[in-house]
Amino acid sequence: MSGLSRAQQAISVLWAAFLTAGVLEIIVFTLVDPGDLRWFGDEPVGLEPRAVYTLAFLVFWVVSALGAALALLLCSPSGRSRRAADGSAHS
């Protein structure tokens, strides 16, 4: 992805994370009923199912985006390597 601008990289990360969050949402809420969710003290969460779906999707999206951004960061060459590859590094 080195040929992409920062905006294109951000959009790529966010789009991949959006798709991942959608898949996670389907998997999790196929197995878990939002009405059955409880806090640690066995007290009901007290949110409407739509609110639980929305909050869970946003959490999945943020976590997936952070993971994708970290992978992109780790795969991109450092500034020094990039300058050396361009032939503009000074000894």
Protein backbone atom coordinates (compact mmCIF):
# COMPACT_ATOMS: atom_id res chain seq x y z
CA MET A 1 0.00 0.00 0.00
CA SER A 2 3.02 2.26 -0.25
CA GLY A 3 1.72 3.91 -3.44
CA LEU A 4 -1.44 5.15 -1.75
CA SER A 5 -1.91 8.56 -0.19
CA ARG A 6 -2.65 8.87 3.54
CA ALA A 7 -6.34 9.50 2.79
CA GLN A 8 -6.55 6.37 0.63
CA GLN A 9 -4.79 4.36 3.33
CA ALA A 10 -7.22 5.65 5.98
CA ILE A 11 -10.22 4.81 3.81
CA SER A 12 -8.80 1.33 3.13
CA VAL A 13 -8.30 0.72 6.85
CA LEU A 14 -11.76 2.00 7.77
CA TRP A 15 -13.49 0.04 5.01
CA ALA A 16 -11.76 -3.23 5.95
CA ALA A 17 -12.60 -2.60 9.61
CA PHE A 18 -16.24 -1.85 8.71
CA LEU A 19 -16.57 -5.17 6.90
CA THR A 20 -14.88 -7.01 9.76
CA ALA A 21 -17.18 -5.35 12.31
CA GLY A 22 -20.20 -6.42 10.27
CA VAL A 23 -19.06 -10.04 10.23
CA LEU A 24 -18.29 -9.95 13.97
CA GLU A 25 -21.73 -8.46 14.65
CA ILE A 26 -23.41 -11.31 12.78
CA ILE A 27 -21.34 -13.98 14.53
CA VAL A 28 -21.70 -12.57 18.05
CA PHE A 29 -25.40 -11.82 17.91
CA THR A 30 -26.19 -15.14 16.29
CA LEU A 31 -24.93 -16.67 19.54
CA VAL A 32 -25.90 -13.96 22.08
CA ASP A 33 -29.31 -12.40 22.71
CA PRO A 34 -28.94 -8.71 23.68
CA GLY A 35 -31.83 -9.08 26.11
CA ASP A 36 -29.92 -11.72 28.06
CA LEU A 37 -26.81 -9.56 28.66
CA ARG A 38 -25.92 -8.93 32.30
CA TRP A 39 -23.33 -6.81 34.10
CA PHE A 40 -20.83 -8.54 36.36
CA GLY A 41 -23.14 -8.21 39.35
CA ASP A 42 -25.84 -10.16 37.49
CA GLU A 43 -27.82 -6.95 36.91
CA PRO A 44 -29.42 -6.58 33.45
CA VAL A 45 -27.67 -4.19 31.07
CA GLY A 46 -30.88 -2.21 30.68
CA LEU A 47 -30.38 -1.07 27.08
CA GLU A 48 -32.68 -1.59 24.14
CA PRO A 49 -31.49 -4.35 21.78
CA ARG A 50 -30.92 -1.79 19.01
CA ALA A 51 -28.64 0.20 21.33
CA VAL A 52 -26.68 -2.95 22.20
CA TYR A 53 -26.28 -3.78 18.50
CA THR A 54 -25.13 -0.24 17.74
CA LEU A 55 -22.64 0.00 20.61
CA ALA A 56 -21.24 -3.45 19.86
CA PHE A 57 -20.82 -2.59 16.17
CA LEU A 58 -18.98 0.63 17.03
CA VAL A 59 -16.67 -1.18 19.46
CA PHE A 60 -15.98 -3.90 16.87
CA TRP A 61 -15.30 -1.24 14.23
CA VAL A 62 -12.88 0.73 16.40
CA VAL A 63 -10.97 -2.36 17.53
CA SER A 64 -10.78 -3.69 13.95
CA ALA A 65 -9.64 -0.29 12.66
CA LEU A 66 -6.91 -0.10 15.29
CA GLY A 67 -5.70 -3.56 14.33
CA ALA A 68 -5.71 -2.77 10.61
CA ALA A 69 -3.97 0.57 11.18
CA LEU A 70 -1.31 -1.11 13.30
CA ALA A 71 -0.73 -3.72 10.59
CA LEU A 72 -0.42 -0.96 7.98
CA LEU A 73 2.01 0.92 10.19
CA LEU A 74 4.14 -2.15 10.79
CA CYS A 75 4.22 -3.01 7.09
CA SER A 76 5.14 0.48 5.89
CA PRO A 77 8.80 1.31 5.51
CA SER A 78 10.28 3.75 7.98
CA GLY A 79 11.11 7.29 6.88
CA ARG A 80 14.83 6.51 6.69
CA SER A 81 14.26 3.41 4.53
CA ARG A 82 11.90 5.34 2.27
CA ARG A 83 14.48 8.12 1.70
CA ALA A 84 17.22 5.56 1.01
CA ALA A 85 15.00 3.77 -1.51
CA ASP A 86 14.32 7.09 -3.27
CA GLY A 87 18.05 7.82 -3.42
CA SER A 88 17.68 11.05 -1.47
CA ALA A 89 19.49 9.92 1.70
CA HIS A 90 22.62 11.86 2.51
CA SER A 91 25.59 10.13 4.10
